[in-house]
C-alpha atoms as a PDB file:
ATOM      1  CA  MET A   1      70.327  64.463  39.122  1.00  0.00           C
ATOM      2  CA  LYS A   2      68.632  61.076  39.529  1.00  0.00           C
ATOM      3  CA  ILE A   3      65.217  62.655  38.983  1.00  0.00           C
ATOM      4  CA  LYS A   4      66.378  64.334  35.755  1.00  0.00           C
ATOM      5  CA  PHE A   5      67.845  61.034  34.531  1.00  0.00           C
ATOM      6  CA  PHE A   6      64.588  59.222  35.318  1.00  0.00           C
ATOM      7  CA  ILE A   7      62.541  61.828  33.454  1.00  0.00           C
ATOM      8  CA  LEU A   8      64.895  61.608  30.484  1.00  0.00           C
ATOM      9  CA  PHE A   9      64.727  57.763  30.565  1.00  0.00           C
ATOM     10  CA  VAL A  10      60.922  57.798  30.603  1.00  0.00           C
ATOM     11  CA  ALA A  11      60.808  60.386  27.821  1.00  0.00           C
ATOM     12  CA  ILE A  12      62.975  58.211  25.585  1.00  0.00           C
ATOM     13  CA  VAL A  13      61.973  54.645  26.472  1.00  0.00           C
ATOM     14  CA  PHE A  14      58.237  54.938  27.152  1.00  0.00           C
ATOM     15  CA  PRO A  15      57.307  56.021  23.589  1.00  0.00           C
ATOM     16  CA  ILE A  16      59.429  53.170  22.217  1.00  0.00           C
ATOM     17  CA  VAL A  17      57.589  50.654  24.417  1.00  0.00           C
ATOM     18  CA  ILE A  18      54.224  52.067  23.354  1.00  0.00           C
ATOM     19  CA  GLN A  19      55.241  51.875  19.697  1.00  0.00           C
ATOM     20  CA  ALA A  20      56.365  48.244  20.121  1.00  0.00           C
ATOM     21  CA  GLN A  21      52.995  47.375  21.631  1.00  0.00           C
ATOM     22  CA  LYS A  22      51.213  49.271  18.877  1.00  0.00           C
ATOM     23  CA  THR A  23      52.915  47.385  16.083  1.00  0.00           C
ATOM     24  CA  GLU A  24      52.223  43.852  17.389  1.00  0.00           C
ATOM     25  CA  ARG A  25      50.277  42.164  14.628  1.00  0.00           C
ATOM     26  CA  PHE A  26      48.721  38.768  13.903  1.00  0.00           C
ATOM     27  CA  ILE A  27      47.826  37.076  10.638  1.00  0.00           C
ATOM     28  CA  ALA A  28      46.481  33.720   9.476  1.00  0.00           C
ATOM     29  CA  VAL A  29      47.519  32.555   6.012  1.00  0.00           C
ATOM     30  CA  THR A  30      44.892  30.730   3.953  1.00  0.00           C
ATOM     31  CA  ILE A  31      45.641  29.269   0.522  1.00  0.00           C
ATOM     32  CA  ASP A  32      42.876  28.471  -1.953  1.00  0.00           C
ATOM     33  CA  ASP A  33      42.399  26.174  -4.962  1.00  0.00           C
ATOM     34  CA  LEU A  34      44.451  23.180  -3.847  1.00  0.00           C
ATOM     35  CA  PRO A  35      46.162  21.116  -4.937  1.00  0.00           C
ATOM     36  CA  VAL A  36      47.369  23.626  -7.590  1.00  0.00           C
ATOM     37  CA  VAL A  37      45.849  26.364  -9.739  1.00  0.00           C
ATOM     38  CA  SER A  38      48.004  27.121 -12.795  1.00  0.00           C
ATOM     39  CA  THR A  39      48.094  26.946 -16.573  1.00  0.00           C
ATOM     40  CA  ARG A  40      50.985  24.528 -16.038  1.00  0.00           C
ATOM     41  CA  LYS A  41      49.073  21.237 -15.979  1.00  0.00           C
ATOM     42  CA  ASP A  42      51.746  18.530 -16.147  1.00  0.00           C
ATOM     43  CA  LEU A  43      52.202  16.492 -12.970  1.00  0.00           C
ATOM     44  CA  LYS A  44      55.928  17.144 -12.593  1.00  0.00           C
ATOM     45  CA  THR A  45      55.376  20.907 -12.597  1.00  0.00           C
ATOM     46  CA  ARG A  46      52.459  20.689 -10.169  1.00  0.00           C
ATOM     47  CA  GLN A  47      54.588  18.586  -7.848  1.00  0.00           C
ATOM     48  CA  GLU A  48      57.345  21.189  -8.070  1.00  0.00           C
ATOM     49  CA  ILE A  49      54.922  24.040  -7.313  1.00  0.00           C
ATOM     50  CA  THR A  50      53.625  22.157  -4.290  1.00  0.00           C
ATOM     51  CA  ARG A  51      57.108  21.251  -3.056  1.00  0.00           C
ATOM     52  CA  LYS A  52      58.432  24.796  -3.306  1.00  0.00           C
ATOM     53  CA  LEU A  53      55.338  26.402  -1.781  1.00  0.00           C
ATOM     54  CA  LEU A  54      55.380  24.024   1.173  1.00  0.00           C
ATOM     55  CA  ALA A  55      59.122  24.546   1.632  1.00  0.00           C
ATOM     56  CA  HIS A  56      58.551  28.308   1.960  1.00  0.00           C
ATOM     57  CA  ILE A  57      55.641  27.814   4.365  1.00  0.00           C
ATOM     58  CA  THR A  58      57.633  25.401   6.519  1.00  0.00           C
ATOM     59  CA  LYS A  59      60.711  27.625   6.532  1.00  0.00           C
ATOM     60  CA  ALA A  60      58.671  30.603   7.752  1.00  0.00           C
ATOM     61  CA  LYS A  61      56.832  28.411  10.304  1.00  0.00           C
ATOM     62  CA  VAL A  62      53.446  29.483   8.992  1.00  0.00           C
ATOM     63  CA  PRO A  63      50.497  27.364  10.270  1.00  0.00           C
ATOM     64  CA  ALA A  64      48.688  27.775   6.950  1.00  0.00           C
ATOM     65  CA  ILE A  65      45.458  26.103   5.869  1.00  0.00           C
ATOM     66  CA  GLY A  66      44.802  25.005   2.291  1.00  0.00           C
ATOM     67  CA  PHE A  67      41.306  24.952   0.778  1.00  0.00           C
ATOM     68  CA  VAL A  68      40.699  22.086  -1.639  1.00  0.00           C
ATOM     69  CA  ASN A  69      38.780  21.767  -4.916  1.00  0.00           C
ATOM     70  CA  GLU A  70      38.339  17.988  -5.028  1.00  0.00           C
ATOM     71  CA  GLY A  71      37.343  18.032  -8.687  1.00  0.00           C
ATOM     72  CA  LYS A  72      41.078  18.344  -9.378  1.00  0.00           C
ATOM     73  CA  LEU A  73      41.659  14.980  -7.694  1.00  0.00           C
ATOM     74  CA  TYR A  74      40.000  12.991 -10.464  1.00  0.00           C
ATOM     75  CA  ASN A  75      41.010  11.890 -13.951  1.00  0.00           C
ATOM     76  CA  GLY A  76      37.611  11.565 -15.525  1.00  0.00           C
ATOM     77  CA  GLU A  77      35.605   9.632 -12.958  1.00  0.00           C
ATOM     78  CA  LYS A  78      38.637   7.857 -11.490  1.00  0.00           C
ATOM     79  CA  ARG A  79      40.555   9.107  -8.504  1.00  0.00           C
ATOM     80  CA  ASP A  80      43.960  10.473  -9.464  1.00  0.00           C
ATOM     81  CA  GLU A  81      46.304   9.195  -6.765  1.00  0.00           C
ATOM     82  CA  ALA A  82      49.142  11.447  -7.943  1.00  0.00           C
ATOM     83  CA  GLN A  83      47.018  14.559  -7.388  1.00  0.00           C
ATOM     84  CA  ILE A  84      45.800  13.178  -4.079  1.00  0.00           C
ATOM     85  CA  GLY A  85      49.456  12.734  -3.152  1.00  0.00           C
ATOM     86  CA  LEU A  86      49.901  16.502  -3.440  1.00  0.00           C
ATOM     87  CA  LEU A  87      47.336  16.960  -0.677  1.00  0.00           C
ATOM     88  CA  ARG A  88      49.101  14.373   1.461  1.00  0.00           C
ATOM     89  CA  SER A  89      52.178  16.586   1.210  1.00  0.00           C
ATOM     90  CA  TRP A  90      50.242  19.365   2.954  1.00  0.00           C
ATOM     91  CA  LEU A  91      49.202  17.049   5.752  1.00  0.00           C
ATOM     92  CA  ASP A  92      52.731  15.624   6.056  1.00  0.00           C
ATOM     93  CA  ALA A  93      53.849  19.234   6.610  1.00  0.00           C
ATOM     94  CA  ASP A  94      51.385  19.325   9.550  1.00  0.00           C
ATOM     95  CA  LEU A  95      49.078  21.802   7.814  1.00  0.00           C
ATOM     96  CA  GLU A  96      45.297  21.847   7.809  1.00  0.00           C
ATOM     97  CA  LEU A  97      42.924  21.361   4.863  1.00  0.00           C
ATOM     98  CA  GLY A  98      39.479  22.860   4.307  1.00  0.00           C
ATOM     99  CA  ASN A  99      36.633  22.610   1.791  1.00  0.00           C
ATOM    100  CA  HIS A 100      36.486  24.966  -1.207  1.00  0.00           C
ATOM    101  CA  THR A 101      33.732  22.986  -3.015  1.00  0.00           C
ATOM    102  CA  PHE A 102      34.191  20.268  -5.609  1.00  0.00           C
ATOM    103  CA  SER A 103      34.590  22.390  -8.734  1.00  0.00           C
ATOM    104  CA  HIS A 104      34.756  26.013  -7.556  1.00  0.00           C
ATOM    105  CA  LYS A 105      31.219  26.922  -8.607  1.00  0.00           C
ATOM    106  CA  ASN A 106      29.896  30.413  -8.001  1.00  0.00           C
ATOM    107  CA  LEU A 107      27.002  30.581  -5.529  1.00  0.00           C
ATOM    108  CA  SER A 108      25.610  33.538  -7.478  1.00  0.00           C
ATOM    109  CA  ALA A 109      25.302  31.372 -10.609  1.00  0.00           C
ATOM    110  CA  VAL A 110      23.830  28.087  -9.312  1.00  0.00           C
ATOM    111  CA  SER A 111      20.950  26.979  -7.114  1.00  0.00           C
ATOM    112  CA  LEU A 112      21.516  26.591  -3.399  1.00  0.00           C
ATOM    113  CA  LYS A 113      20.821  22.846  -3.713  1.00  0.00           C
ATOM    114  CA  ASP A 114      23.516  22.459  -6.390  1.00  0.00           C
ATOM    115  CA  TYR A 115      25.915  24.461  -4.254  1.00  0.00           C
ATOM    116  CA  GLU A 116      25.273  22.313  -1.196  1.00  0.00           C
ATOM    117  CA  ASP A 117      25.878  19.216  -3.326  1.00  0.00           C
ATOM    118  CA  GLU A 118      29.192  20.798  -4.402  1.00  0.00           C
ATOM    119  CA  ILE A 119      30.172  21.158  -0.760  1.00  0.00           C
ATOM    120  CA  LEU A 120      29.373  17.532   0.052  1.00  0.00           C
ATOM    121  CA  ARG A 121      31.180  16.246  -3.062  1.00  0.00           C
ATOM    122  CA  GLY A 122      34.107  18.439  -2.142  1.00  0.00           C
ATOM    123  CA  GLU A 123      34.782  16.866   1.246  1.00  0.00           C
ATOM    124  CA  ILE A 124      35.001  13.128   0.520  1.00  0.00           C
ATOM    125  CA  ILE A 125      38.715  12.618  -0.179  1.00  0.00           C
ATOM    126  CA  THR A 126      39.824  15.445   2.093  1.00  0.00           C
ATOM    127  CA  LYS A 127      37.972  13.828   4.994  1.00  0.00           C
ATOM    128  CA  GLU A 128      39.676  10.507   4.257  1.00  0.00           C
ATOM    129  CA  LEU A 129      43.130  12.083   4.254  1.00  0.00           C
ATOM    130  CA  LEU A 130      42.480  14.046   7.431  1.00  0.00           C
ATOM    131  CA  ALA A 131      41.160  10.920   9.148  1.00  0.00           C
ATOM    132  CA  GLU A 132      44.469   9.190   8.386  1.00  0.00           C
ATOM    133  CA  LYS A 133      46.075  11.895  10.552  1.00  0.00           C
ATOM    134  CA  GLY A 134      43.410  11.683  13.242  1.00  0.00           C
ATOM    135  CA  LYS A 135      41.926  15.028  12.180  1.00  0.00           C
ATOM    136  CA  LYS A 136      38.558  16.336  10.974  1.00  0.00           C
ATOM    137  CA  ILE A 137      37.603  18.883   8.355  1.00  0.00           C
ATOM    138  CA  ARG A 138      36.526  22.142  10.008  1.00  0.00           C
ATOM    139  CA  TYR A 139      36.504  25.094   7.614  1.00  0.00           C
ATOM    140  CA  PHE A 140      34.716  26.153   4.434  1.00  0.00           C
ATOM    141  CA  ARG A 141      35.724  28.914   2.018  1.00  0.00           C
ATOM    142  CA  HIS A 142      33.261  30.271  -0.568  1.00  0.00           C
ATOM    143  CA  PRO A 143      34.644  30.290  -4.138  1.00  0.00           C
ATOM    144  CA  TYR A 144      35.050  33.854  -5.419  1.00  0.00           C
ATOM    145  CA  LEU A 145      33.992  34.962  -1.891  1.00  0.00           C
ATOM    146  CA  HIS A 146      30.407  34.984  -3.157  1.00  0.00           C
ATOM    147  CA  THR A 147      28.205  34.273  -0.148  1.00  0.00           C
ATOM    148  CA  GLY A 148      24.655  34.660  -1.477  1.00  0.00           C
ATOM    149  CA  LEU A 149      22.420  37.188  -3.228  1.00  0.00           C
ATOM    150  CA  SER A 150      19.842  37.351  -0.449  1.00  0.00           C
ATOM    151  CA  LEU A 151      19.775  37.065   3.322  1.00  0.00           C
ATOM    152  CA  GLU A 152      17.515  34.022   2.949  1.00  0.00           C
ATOM    153  CA  ILE A 153      20.100  32.174   0.842  1.00  0.00           C
ATOM    154  CA  LYS A 154      22.898  33.206   3.193  1.00  0.00           C
ATOM    155  CA  ASP A 155      20.940  32.038   6.233  1.00  0.00           C
ATOM    156  CA  GLU A 156      19.996  28.699   4.648  1.00  0.00           C
ATOM    157  CA  LEU A 157      23.579  28.046   3.584  1.00  0.00           C
ATOM    158  CA  ASN A 158      24.901  29.020   7.005  1.00  0.00           C
ATOM    159  CA  GLN A 159      22.514  26.548   8.617  1.00  0.00           C
ATOM    160  CA  PHE A 160      23.629  23.851   6.189  1.00  0.00           C
ATOM    161  CA  LEU A 161      27.274  24.523   6.993  1.00  0.00           C
ATOM    162  CA  LYS A 162      26.557  24.469  10.717  1.00  0.00           C
ATOM    163  CA  GLN A 163      24.740  21.130  10.392  1.00  0.00           C
ATOM    164  CA  HIS A 164      27.839  19.711   8.697  1.00  0.00           C
ATOM    165  CA  ASP A 165      30.214  21.128  11.322  1.00  0.00           C
ATOM    166  CA  TYR A 166      31.776  23.769   9.099  1.00  0.00           C
ATOM    167  CA  THR A 167      33.033  27.187  10.144  1.00  0.00           C
ATOM    168  CA  ILE A 168      33.183  29.821   7.412  1.00  0.00           C
ATOM    169  CA  ALA A 169      36.669  31.107   6.629  1.00  0.00           C
ATOM    170  CA  PRO A 170      36.302  34.847   5.943  1.00  0.00           C
ATOM    171  CA  VAL A 171      38.960  37.020   4.316  1.00  0.00           C
ATOM    172  CA  THR A 172      40.152  40.332   5.735  1.00  0.00           C
ATOM    173  CA  MET A 173      43.276  40.768   3.594  1.00  0.00           C
ATOM    174  CA  ASP A 174      42.102  40.305   0.037  1.00  0.00           C
ATOM    175  CA  ASN A 175      44.247  40.928  -3.036  1.00  0.00           C
ATOM    176  CA  ALA A 176      44.590  40.188  -6.743  1.00  0.00           C
ATOM    177  CA  ASP A 177      47.308  37.533  -6.651  1.00  0.00           C
ATOM    178  CA  TYR A 178      45.356  35.613  -9.310  1.00  0.00           C
ATOM    179  CA  ILE A 179      46.061  38.355 -11.865  1.00  0.00           C
ATOM    180  CA  PHE A 180      49.780  38.287 -11.101  1.00  0.00           C
ATOM    181  CA  SER A 181      49.612  34.496 -11.283  1.00  0.00           C
ATOM    182  CA  SER A 182      48.082  34.558 -14.752  1.00  0.00           C
ATOM    183  CA  ALA A 183      50.698  37.029 -16.015  1.00  0.00           C
ATOM    184  CA  TYR A 184      53.524  35.023 -14.437  1.00  0.00           C
ATOM    185  CA  ASP A 185      52.323  31.758 -15.992  1.00  0.00           C
ATOM    186  CA  ARG A 186      52.008  33.373 -19.412  1.00  0.00           C
ATOM    187  CA  ALA A 187      55.474  34.907 -19.198  1.00  0.00           C
ATOM    188  CA  PHE A 188      56.858  31.465 -18.317  1.00  0.00           C
ATOM    189  CA  ASP A 189      55.039  29.891 -21.270  1.00  0.00           C
ATOM    190  CA  LYS A 190      56.751  32.468 -23.531  1.00  0.00           C
ATOM    191  CA  ASN A 191      60.111  31.837 -21.845  1.00  0.00           C
ATOM    192  CA  ASP A 192      60.228  35.553 -21.002  1.00  0.00           C
ATOM    193  CA  LYS A 193      62.391  35.420 -17.877  1.00  0.00           C
ATOM    194  CA  LYS A 194      62.881  39.183 -17.812  1.00  0.00           C
ATOM    195  CA  LEU A 195      59.130  39.750 -17.657  1.00  0.00           C
ATOM    196  CA  MET A 196      58.799  37.089 -14.945  1.00  0.00           C
ATOM    197  CA  LYS A 197      61.312  38.969 -12.777  1.00  0.00           C
ATOM    198  CA  GLN A 198      59.494  42.258 -13.400  1.00  0.00           C
ATOM    199  CA  ILE A 199      56.175  40.685 -12.428  1.00  0.00           C
ATOM    200  CA  GLY A 200      57.735  39.154  -9.310  1.00  0.00           C
ATOM    201  CA  ALA A 201      59.221  42.490  -8.197  1.00  0.00           C
ATOM    202  CA  ALA A 202      55.889  44.241  -8.788  1.00  0.00           C
ATOM    203  CA  TYR A 203      54.139  41.468  -6.867  1.00  0.00           C
ATOM    204  CA  ILE A 204      56.066  42.090  -3.649  1.00  0.00           C
ATOM    205  CA  ALA A 205      55.752  45.878  -3.991  1.00  0.00           C
ATOM    206  CA  TYR A 206      51.993  45.420  -4.474  1.00  0.00           C
ATOM    207  CA  PHE A 207      51.717  43.346  -1.299  1.00  0.00           C
ATOM    208  CA  GLU A 208      53.582  45.993   0.701  1.00  0.00           C
ATOM    209  CA  LYS A 209      50.861  48.438  -0.351  1.00  0.00           C
ATOM    210  CA  CYS A 210      48.096  45.901   0.349  1.00  0.00           C
ATOM    211  CA  PHE A 211      49.281  45.257   3.899  1.00  0.00           C
ATOM    212  CA  ASP A 212      49.402  48.988   4.587  1.00  0.00           C
ATOM    213  CA  TYR A 213      45.941  49.483   3.082  1.00  0.00           C
ATOM    214  CA  TRP A 214      44.222  46.766   5.110  1.00  0.00           C
ATOM    215  CA  GLU A 215      45.934  47.847   8.315  1.00  0.00           C
ATOM    216  CA  ARG A 216      44.610  51.384   7.840  1.00  0.00           C
ATOM    217  CA  GLN A 217      41.194  50.074   6.832  1.00  0.00           C
ATOM    218  CA  SER A 218      40.994  48.085  10.065  1.00  0.00           C
ATOM    219  CA  VAL A 219      42.076  51.034  12.225  1.00  0.00           C
ATOM    220  CA  ASN A 220      39.525  53.314  10.588  1.00  0.00           C
ATOM    221  CA  LEU A 221      36.755  50.782  11.137  1.00  0.00           C
ATOM    222  CA  PHE A 222      37.646  49.361  14.559  1.00  0.00           C
ATOM    223  CA  GLY A 223      40.197  51.749  15.996  1.00  0.00           C
ATOM    224  CA  ARG A 224      42.736  48.915  15.997  1.00  0.00           C
ATOM    225  CA  GLU A 225      44.302  46.285  13.792  1.00  0.00           C
ATOM    226  CA  ILE A 226      42.351  43.043  13.993  1.00  0.00           C
ATOM    227  CA  LYS A 227      43.843  39.586  13.582  1.00  0.00           C
ATOM    228  CA  PHE A 228      43.911  39.409   9.797  1.00  0.00           C
ATOM    229  CA  ILE A 229      43.094  36.479   7.515  1.00  0.00           C
ATOM    230  CA  LEU A 230      45.116  36.610   4.291  1.00  0.00           C
ATOM    231  CA  LEU A 231      43.920  34.984   1.070  1.00  0.00           C
ATOM    232  CA  LEU A 232      46.464  33.537  -1.345  1.00  0.00           C
ATOM    233  CA  HIS A 233      46.320  30.783  -3.981  1.00  0.00           C
ATOM    234  CA  ALA A 234      48.317  27.593  -4.568  1.00  0.00           C
ATOM    235  CA  ASN A 235      49.880  28.932  -7.739  1.00  0.00           C
ATOM    236  CA  PHE A 236      53.206  29.204  -9.549  1.00  0.00           C
ATOM    237  CA  ILE A 237      54.055  32.763  -8.505  1.00  0.00           C
ATOM    238  CA  ASN A 238      53.486  31.999  -4.819  1.00  0.00           C
ATOM    239  CA  SER A 239      55.689  28.925  -5.096  1.00  0.00           C
ATOM    240  CA  ASP A 240      58.454  31.329  -6.144  1.00  0.00           C
ATOM    241  CA  TYR A 241      57.612  34.354  -3.987  1.00  0.00           C
ATOM    242  CA  PHE A 242      55.848  33.224  -0.799  1.00  0.00           C
ATOM    243  CA  ASP A 243      59.174  33.444   1.020  1.00  0.00           C
ATOM    244  CA  ASP A 244      59.346  37.146   0.145  1.00  0.00           C
ATOM    245  CA  ILE A 245      55.754  37.684   1.269  1.00  0.00           C
ATOM    246  CA  ALA A 246      56.499  35.973   4.600  1.00  0.00           C
ATOM    247  CA  LYS A 247      59.627  38.111   5.072  1.00  0.00           C
ATOM    248  CA  THR A 248      57.617  41.252   4.339  1.00  0.00           C
ATOM    249  CA  LEU A 249      55.050  40.286   6.967  1.00  0.00           C
ATOM    250  CA  THR A 250      57.757  39.484   9.502  1.00  0.00           C
ATOM    251  CA  LYS A 251      59.376  42.856   8.830  1.00  0.00           C
ATOM    252  CA  ARG A 252      56.001  44.456   9.587  1.00  0.00           C
ATOM    253  CA  LYS A 253      55.996  42.700  13.003  1.00  0.00           C
ATOM    254  CA  TYR A 254      53.355  40.090  12.170  1.00  0.00           C
ATOM    255  CA  GLN A 255      53.070  36.861  14.108  1.00  0.00           C
ATOM    256  CA  PHE A 256      51.716  33.927  12.103  1.00  0.00           C
ATOM    257  CA  VAL A 257      48.718  32.268  13.757  1.00  0.00           C
ATOM    258  CA  THR A 258      46.239  29.557  12.853  1.00  0.00           C
ATOM    259  CA  LEU A 259      42.877  30.343  11.306  1.00  0.00           C
ATOM    260  CA  GLU A 260      41.318  29.120  14.552  1.00  0.00           C
ATOM    261  CA  ASN A 261      43.357  31.677  16.502  1.00  0.00           C
ATOM    262  CA  ALA A 262      42.545  34.540  14.131  1.00  0.00           C
ATOM    263  CA  LEU A 263      38.823  33.833  14.423  1.00  0.00           C
ATOM    264  CA  THR A 264      38.970  34.493  18.188  1.00  0.00           C
ATOM    265  CA  ASP A 265      39.152  38.200  17.351  1.00  0.00           C
ATOM    266  CA  GLU A 266      35.860  39.850  18.326  1.00  0.00           C
ATOM    267  CA  ALA A 267      35.552  41.388  14.856  1.00  0.00           C
ATOM    268  CA  TYR A 268      34.653  38.007  13.359  1.00  0.00           C
ATOM    269  CA  LYS A 269      31.538  37.814  15.523  1.00  0.00           C
ATOM    270  CA  LEU A 270      29.994  40.584  13.423  1.00  0.00           C
ATOM    271  CA  PRO A 271      27.333  39.346  10.989  1.00  0.00           C
ATOM    272  CA  ASP A 272      27.908  39.235   7.243  1.00  0.00           C
ATOM    273  CA  THR A 273      24.861  40.853   5.650  1.00  0.00           C
ATOM    274  CA  PHE A 274      26.406  41.629   2.260  1.00  0.00           C
ATOM    275  CA  VAL A 275      24.183  40.327  -0.574  1.00  0.00           C
ATOM    276  CA  LYS A 276      25.476  41.890  -3.778  1.00  0.00           C
ATOM    277  CA  ARG A 277      27.114  40.072  -6.703  1.00  0.00           C
ATOM    278  CA  ASN A 278      30.641  40.780  -5.527  1.00  0.00           C
ATOM    279  CA  GLY A 279      33.352  38.851  -3.749  1.00  0.00           C
ATOM    280  CA  ILE A 280      34.682  41.464  -1.359  1.00  0.00           C
ATOM    281  CA  SER A 281      36.601  41.312   1.910  1.00  0.00           C
ATOM    282  CA  TRP A 282      34.858  41.089   5.252  1.00  0.00           C
ATOM    283  CA  LEU A 283      36.395  44.427   6.264  1.00  0.00           C
ATOM    284  CA  HIS A 284      34.563  46.010   3.347  1.00  0.00           C
ATOM    285  CA  ARG A 285      31.371  44.106   4.240  1.00  0.00           C
ATOM    286  CA  TRP A 286      31.451  45.327   7.823  1.00  0.00           C
ATOM    287  CA  ALA A 287      32.192  48.892   6.723  1.00  0.00           C
ATOM    288  CA  ILE A 288      29.257  48.881   4.296  1.00  0.00           C
ATOM    289  CA  ALA A 289      26.979  47.480   7.036  1.00  0.00           C
ATOM    290  CA  LYS A 290      28.044  50.388   9.254  1.00  0.00           C
ATOM    291  CA  GLY A 291      27.186  52.841   6.471  1.00  0.00           C
ATOM    292  CA  LYS A 292      30.832  53.777   5.934  1.00  0.00           C
ATOM    293  CA  GLY A 293      31.380  52.377   2.461  1.00  0.00           C
ATOM    294  CA  ASN A 294      34.900  51.079   1.984  1.00  0.00           C
ATOM    295  CA  ILE A 295      36.281  53.930   4.161  1.00  0.00           C
ATOM    296  CA  LEU A 296      39.584  54.128   2.283  1.00  0.00           C
ATOM    297  CA  PRO A 297      39.448  54.898  -1.461  1.00  0.00           C
ATOM    298  CA  ASP A 298      43.057  54.019  -2.231  1.00  0.00           C
ATOM    299  CA  GLU A 299      42.964  50.209  -2.436  1.00  0.00           C
ATOM    300  CA  PRO A 300      46.133  49.151  -4.319  1.00  0.00           C
ATOM    301  CA  GLN A 301      45.744  48.391  -8.016  1.00  0.00           C
ATOM    302  CA  VAL A 302      47.596  45.809 -10.081  1.00  0.00           C
ATOM    303  CA  PRO A 303      50.134  47.565 -12.337  1.00  0.00           C
ATOM    304  CA  GLU A 304      48.906  47.996 -15.897  1.00  0.00           C
ATOM    305  CA  PHE A 305      51.780  46.031 -17.410  1.00  0.00           C
ATOM    306  CA  VAL A 306      50.854  43.025 -15.236  1.00  0.00           C
ATOM    307  CA  VAL A 307      47.180  43.217 -16.226  1.00  0.00           C
ATOM    308  CA  ASN A 308      48.187  43.466 -19.900  1.00  0.00           C
ATOM    309  CA  ALA A 309      50.374  40.366 -19.527  1.00  0.00           C
ATOM    310  CA  SER A 310      47.511  38.355 -17.974  1.00  0.00           C
ATOM    311  CA  GLU A 311      44.351  36.720 -19.248  1.00  0.00           C
ATOM    312  CA  PHE A 312      42.370  39.551 -17.630  1.00  0.00           C
ATOM    313  CA  LYS A 313      43.599  42.189 -20.075  1.00  0.00           C
ATOM    314  CA  SER A 314      40.242  42.612 -21.804  1.00  0.00           C
ATOM    315  CA  GLN A 315      38.169  42.660 -18.617  1.00  0.00           C
END
């Protein structure tokens, strides 16, 4: 009788334990275009976007990192202390800041020298603010995820970044939140609250599909789910819906980790040899390097009604 009970116990419990181990997941949240990227330019609104976004991040206990475009911290040639104050809010929330260049220039459209100057101009104020907290700037994120049109340019830039103590922040969970953001901003400008709610609902449904897609992409490429690095932006829609995104990730058994922790995954030691004029995820880059293309053809698409409501309608 005891033997039968033991066999029955193992038959029921062991698969559950295996499934629990299988679904353990890790993700680092990275947020680009700080202090704010939105058509809503007035200071009060930008302060509200920052306050709400940080409240969601803090509530979910997400050790996020924000990547800064320092060109937004100036009014003409003068430093704008109000905009700089938005960055201080991130540091007061015990979050990290990284370099996203001064004015978000595209490496595929400028010389390497100009791009390197953009990086150096883009670290001045951020370094000052981090120093006030006894911290140093550590990470760099390429605008548009464009990393160079030749291996020579990539190698030279990588050496430059290394000389200036930067680690590249790759992206392994890419998405089109910027299209939703544009549509959401435009709906707000038209005072179309119904459309805003429709866009918000579609946004969360889209992310559910994105998470599933990237998880499957990782398993097909590596035979496992890596520690993911999610790209989002410091925009209006995320200030309203980041809480829902965090809840969705928690429901999918994700643990929030720092960018530093995520980069300990062996996958990130693979070289990035992608040199085309595209800003694609590192999972796609690694798959292409292995001769596997993008592996999965069903990457989620932004709903047509959202595209039509955005500035990207004609593209």
